[in-house]
N, C-alpha and C. Protein backbone atom coordinates (compact mmCIF):
# COMPACT_ATOMS: atom_id res chain seq x y z
N MET A 1 -6.98 -17.85 -18.40
CA MET A 1 -6.12 -17.10 -17.78
C MET A 1 -4.71 -17.77 -17.78
N ASN A 2 -3.82 -17.73 -17.77
CA ASN A 2 -2.39 -18.33 -18.31
C ASN A 2 -1.66 -18.70 -16.63
N GLY A 3 -2.28 -18.47 -15.50
CA GLY A 3 -1.62 -18.69 -14.43
C GLY A 3 -0.78 -17.19 -13.95
N THR A 4 -0.47 -16.28 -14.66
CA THR A 4 0.11 -15.12 -14.44
C THR A 4 -0.57 -14.17 -13.59
N PRO A 5 -0.18 -13.65 -12.92
CA PRO A 5 -0.88 -13.06 -11.88
C PRO A 5 -1.42 -11.48 -12.65
N GLU A 6 -2.76 -10.85 -12.35
CA GLU A 6 -2.92 -9.79 -13.03
C GLU A 6 -1.99 -8.29 -12.21
N VAL A 7 -1.19 -7.54 -12.40
CA VAL A 7 -0.58 -6.57 -12.05
C VAL A 7 -1.32 -5.33 -12.12
N ILE A 8 -1.68 -4.54 -11.07
CA ILE A 8 -2.25 -3.00 -11.03
C ILE A 8 -1.67 -2.23 -10.07
N THR A 9 -1.23 -1.29 -10.82
CA THR A 9 -0.42 0.16 -10.10
C THR A 9 -1.50 0.98 -9.67
N VAL A 10 -1.32 1.16 -8.14
CA VAL A 10 -1.99 2.48 -7.77
C VAL A 10 -1.21 3.33 -7.01
N TYR A 11 -1.53 4.45 -8.05
CA TYR A 11 -0.62 5.73 -7.46
C TYR A 11 -0.96 6.81 -6.58
N ALA A 12 -0.51 6.63 -5.38
CA ALA A 12 -0.76 7.13 -3.71
C ALA A 12 -0.62 8.70 -4.14
N PRO A 13 -1.46 9.50 -3.40
CA PRO A 13 -1.37 10.94 -3.58
C PRO A 13 -0.36 11.43 -2.77
N ARG A 14 -0.08 12.57 -2.91
CA ARG A 14 1.15 13.42 -2.76
C ARG A 14 1.01 13.33 -0.97
N ARG A 15 0.20 13.41 -0.51
CA ARG A 15 0.20 13.43 1.05
C ARG A 15 -1.01 12.29 1.27
N ILE A 16 -0.74 11.80 2.27
CA ILE A 16 -1.57 10.43 2.70
C ILE A 16 -1.68 11.22 4.44
N ASP A 17 -2.96 11.45 4.66
CA ASP A 17 -3.23 12.10 5.58
C ASP A 17 -4.96 11.62 6.17
N CYS A 18 -5.36 12.35 7.08
CA CYS A 18 -6.61 11.94 7.49
C CYS A 18 -7.61 12.29 6.36
N CYS A 19 -7.51 13.40 5.64
CA CYS A 19 -8.39 13.68 4.55
C CYS A 19 -8.17 12.47 3.18
N THR A 20 -7.08 12.31 2.98
CA THR A 20 -6.85 11.39 1.58
C THR A 20 -6.58 9.52 1.70
N ALA A 21 -6.31 9.46 3.19
CA ALA A 21 -6.25 7.94 3.40
C ALA A 21 -7.49 7.31 3.13
N PRO A 22 -8.83 7.79 3.60
CA PRO A 22 -9.97 6.82 3.29
C PRO A 22 -10.26 6.77 1.63
N PHE A 23 -9.67 7.80 0.63
CA PHE A 23 -10.08 7.37 -0.54
C PHE A 23 -8.52 6.49 -1.06
N LEU A 24 -7.61 6.61 -0.49
CA LEU A 24 -6.45 5.09 -0.59
C LEU A 24 -7.09 4.08 -0.22
N ALA A 25 -7.65 3.99 1.07
CA ALA A 25 -8.14 2.67 1.62
C ALA A 25 -9.38 2.09 0.56
N LYS A 26 -10.25 3.24 -0.14
CA LYS A 26 -11.37 2.51 -0.50
C LYS A 26 -10.73 2.08 -2.26
N ASP A 27 -9.81 2.48 -2.73
CA ASP A 27 -9.18 2.32 -4.09
C ASP A 27 -8.45 0.53 -3.63
N LEU A 28 -7.65 0.48 -2.71
CA LEU A 28 -7.07 -0.72 -2.17
C LEU A 28 -7.83 -1.89 -1.99
N ASP A 29 -8.74 -1.37 -1.25
CA ASP A 29 -9.93 -2.25 -1.25
C ASP A 29 -10.63 -2.97 -2.40
N GLU A 30 -11.12 -1.60 -3.33
CA GLU A 30 -11.38 -2.03 -4.43
C GLU A 30 -10.68 -3.14 -5.54
N LYS A 31 -9.47 -2.53 -5.68
CA LYS A 31 -8.80 -3.64 -6.56
C LYS A 31 -8.22 -4.87 -5.92
N LEU A 32 -8.01 -5.05 -4.36
CA LEU A 32 -7.38 -6.04 -3.91
C LEU A 32 -8.12 -7.24 -4.26
N GLN A 33 -8.18 -7.91 -5.27
CA GLN A 33 -8.89 -9.29 -5.45
C GLN A 33 -7.92 -10.32 -5.60
N ALA A 34 -8.53 -11.63 -5.33
CA ALA A 34 -7.60 -12.90 -5.44
C ALA A 34 -6.53 -12.89 -6.84
N GLY A 35 -5.66 -13.27 -6.85
CA GLY A 35 -4.47 -13.20 -7.80
C GLY A 35 -4.11 -12.20 -8.40
N VAL A 36 -4.53 -11.23 -7.66
CA VAL A 36 -3.97 -9.68 -8.42
C VAL A 36 -2.66 -9.25 -7.46
N SER A 37 -1.76 -9.07 -8.24
CA SER A 37 -0.59 -8.41 -7.51
C SER A 37 -0.70 -6.94 -7.45
N LEU A 38 -1.01 -6.36 -6.76
CA LEU A 38 -1.19 -4.72 -6.51
C LEU A 38 0.18 -3.94 -6.21
N ILE A 39 0.72 -3.29 -6.99
CA ILE A 39 1.46 -2.14 -6.62
C ILE A 39 1.32 -0.80 -5.97
N LEU A 40 1.52 -0.51 -4.91
CA LEU A 40 1.36 0.80 -4.23
C LEU A 40 2.24 1.70 -4.74
N ASP A 41 2.63 2.70 -5.68
CA ASP A 41 3.48 3.46 -5.93
C ASP A 41 3.51 5.04 -5.18
N LEU A 42 4.52 4.91 -4.34
CA LEU A 42 4.17 6.09 -3.58
C LEU A 42 5.53 6.91 -3.90
N GLY A 43 6.09 6.95 -5.38
CA GLY A 43 6.75 7.79 -6.01
C GLY A 43 6.58 9.72 -5.83
N GLN A 44 4.93 9.97 -5.92
CA GLN A 44 4.75 11.33 -5.39
C GLN A 44 4.44 11.51 -4.36
N THR A 45 4.22 10.85 -3.26
CA THR A 45 4.00 10.78 -2.08
C THR A 45 5.12 11.43 -1.25
N ARG A 46 5.10 12.64 -0.33
CA ARG A 46 6.00 13.34 0.05
C ARG A 46 5.98 13.55 1.55
N PHE A 47 4.70 13.21 2.20
CA PHE A 47 4.14 13.20 3.53
C PHE A 47 3.29 12.03 3.60
N ILE A 48 3.76 11.56 4.83
CA ILE A 48 2.46 10.52 5.57
C ILE A 48 2.37 10.80 6.89
N ASP A 49 1.13 11.17 7.47
CA ASP A 49 1.29 11.02 8.95
C ASP A 49 0.93 9.53 9.49
N PRO A 50 1.43 9.13 10.45
CA PRO A 50 1.66 7.85 10.86
C PRO A 50 0.42 7.21 11.53
N PRO A 51 -0.69 8.20 12.00
CA PRO A 51 -2.11 7.24 11.97
C PRO A 51 -2.95 6.50 10.53
N SER A 52 -2.44 7.64 9.64
CA SER A 52 -2.55 7.29 8.09
C SER A 52 -1.99 6.15 7.71
N ALA A 53 -0.77 6.03 8.11
CA ALA A 53 -0.03 4.46 7.74
C ALA A 53 -0.77 3.01 7.92
N ASP A 54 -1.54 3.63 8.92
CA ASP A 54 -2.60 2.22 8.99
C ASP A 54 -3.55 1.85 7.70
N VAL A 55 -3.40 2.66 7.04
CA VAL A 55 -4.17 1.96 5.22
C VAL A 55 -3.52 1.10 4.97
N LEU A 56 -2.18 1.20 5.17
CA LEU A 56 -0.96 0.40 4.24
C LEU A 56 -1.09 -0.97 5.28
N ILE A 57 -1.30 -1.32 6.56
CA ILE A 57 -1.14 -2.18 7.12
C ILE A 57 -2.63 -2.87 6.92
N GLN A 58 -3.88 -2.53 6.87
CA GLN A 58 -5.23 -2.91 6.28
C GLN A 58 -5.13 -3.47 5.15
N GLY A 59 -4.43 -2.69 4.03
CA GLY A 59 -4.18 -3.07 2.93
C GLY A 59 -3.47 -4.67 2.76
N ILE A 60 -2.50 -4.67 3.52
CA ILE A 60 -1.62 -5.67 3.64
C ILE A 60 -2.32 -7.34 4.17
N LEU A 61 -3.07 -6.80 5.01
CA LEU A 61 -4.24 -7.88 5.73
C LEU A 61 -5.20 -8.30 4.51
N LYS A 62 -5.71 -7.25 4.15
CA LYS A 62 -6.90 -7.55 3.14
C LYS A 62 -6.41 -8.61 1.97
N ALA A 63 -4.82 -8.21 1.65
CA ALA A 63 -4.14 -9.03 0.57
C ALA A 63 -4.18 -10.38 1.20
N LYS A 64 -3.79 -10.74 2.26
CA LYS A 64 -3.40 -11.93 2.53
C LYS A 64 -4.93 -12.69 2.72
N GLN A 65 -5.88 -11.71 3.20
CA GLN A 65 -7.32 -12.71 3.63
C GLN A 65 -7.69 -13.13 1.93
N ARG A 66 -7.53 -12.37 0.81
CA ARG A 66 -7.91 -12.40 -0.33
C ARG A 66 -7.09 -13.07 -1.52
N ARG A 67 -5.96 -13.70 -0.67
CA ARG A 67 -4.90 -14.30 -1.69
C ARG A 67 -4.63 -13.06 -2.96
N ALA A 68 -4.03 -12.29 -2.36
CA ALA A 68 -3.58 -11.47 -3.14
C ALA A 68 -1.98 -10.76 -2.77
N ARG A 69 -1.52 -9.75 -3.41
CA ARG A 69 -0.22 -9.30 -3.11
C ARG A 69 -0.51 -8.05 -3.17
N LEU A 70 0.32 -7.67 -2.15
CA LEU A 70 0.48 -6.09 -1.87
C LEU A 70 1.99 -5.86 -2.00
N SER A 71 2.55 -4.73 -2.76
CA SER A 71 3.72 -4.36 -2.59
C SER A 71 4.08 -2.40 -3.07
N LEU A 72 5.26 -2.35 -2.39
CA LEU A 72 5.35 -0.95 -2.35
C LEU A 72 6.27 -0.73 -3.41
N GLN A 73 6.36 0.53 -3.80
CA GLN A 73 7.10 0.98 -4.75
C GLN A 73 7.85 2.21 -4.74
N ARG A 74 8.81 2.89 -5.11
CA ARG A 74 9.52 4.19 -5.27
C ARG A 74 8.92 5.03 -3.85
N VAL A 75 9.55 4.48 -2.78
CA VAL A 75 9.15 5.08 -1.08
C VAL A 75 10.13 5.85 -1.15
N ALA A 76 9.81 7.63 -0.95
CA ALA A 76 10.77 8.55 -0.62
C ALA A 76 11.05 8.33 0.82
N PRO A 77 12.77 8.87 0.57
CA PRO A 77 13.28 8.62 2.21
C PRO A 77 12.44 9.06 3.32
N GLN A 78 11.96 10.31 3.11
CA GLN A 78 10.82 10.94 4.46
C GLN A 78 10.14 9.70 4.74
N VAL A 79 8.94 9.63 3.41
CA VAL A 79 8.19 8.58 4.06
C VAL A 79 8.55 7.09 4.52
N LYS A 80 9.81 6.54 4.02
CA LYS A 80 10.29 5.63 4.58
C LYS A 80 10.67 5.39 5.90
N VAL A 81 11.19 6.74 6.38
CA VAL A 81 11.27 6.81 7.93
C VAL A 81 10.24 6.83 8.69
N VAL A 82 8.83 7.41 8.30
CA VAL A 82 7.58 7.51 8.82
C VAL A 82 7.18 6.01 9.16
N LEU A 83 7.08 5.34 7.84
CA LEU A 83 6.79 4.05 7.74
C LEU A 83 7.53 2.92 9.02
N GLU A 84 8.86 3.27 8.88
CA GLU A 84 9.78 2.47 9.63
C GLU A 84 9.14 2.71 10.93
N MET A 85 9.13 4.22 11.41
CA MET A 85 8.87 4.43 13.06
C MET A 85 7.25 3.99 13.22
N ALA A 86 6.39 3.94 12.38
CA ALA A 86 4.96 3.47 12.48
C ALA A 86 5.12 1.99 12.68
N GLY A 87 6.37 1.17 12.26
CA GLY A 87 6.21 0.12 12.04
C GLY A 87 5.49 -0.77 11.02
N VAL A 88 5.34 -0.12 10.18
CA VAL A 88 4.49 -0.73 8.48
C VAL A 88 5.62 -1.46 7.67
N LEU A 89 6.65 -1.13 7.73
CA LEU A 89 7.62 -1.67 6.60
C LEU A 89 7.68 -3.06 6.76
N GLN A 90 7.85 -3.34 7.99
CA GLN A 90 7.88 -4.84 8.44
C GLN A 90 6.57 -5.70 7.85
N PHE A 91 5.83 -5.08 7.58
CA PHE A 91 4.59 -6.06 7.40
C PHE A 91 5.23 -6.72 5.53
N PHE A 92 5.80 -5.59 4.90
CA PHE A 92 6.15 -5.28 3.66
C PHE A 92 7.39 -6.38 3.23
N ARG A 93 8.19 -6.56 4.27
CA ARG A 93 9.65 -7.59 4.07
C ARG A 93 9.45 -8.55 3.61
N ARG A 94 10.14 -9.03 2.75
CA ARG A 94 10.47 -10.52 1.95
C ARG A 94 11.03 -11.33 3.38
N LYS A 95 10.28 -12.20 3.37
CA LYS A 95 10.54 -13.56 4.46
C LYS A 95 11.62 -14.41 3.79
């Protein structure tokens, strides 16, 4: 390995709710390994309910524990509003 992190993209479903969030959580859990830079592409996501946004917080916590990186990509305006209101985006802000 040349020191470059492996980049993996996970494509989120159109809706993230109580039915789809567990599957997304499992997918993130399986792919978040040490040295991985995981991109969660929300380009197709048009709805996320606030309780299900917790899957993203759990993902960022697992990424830190495992020395991986989790970032968001292509967040639709209506999804961004929910993530901001739920306090999720603060975990993804660059420091």
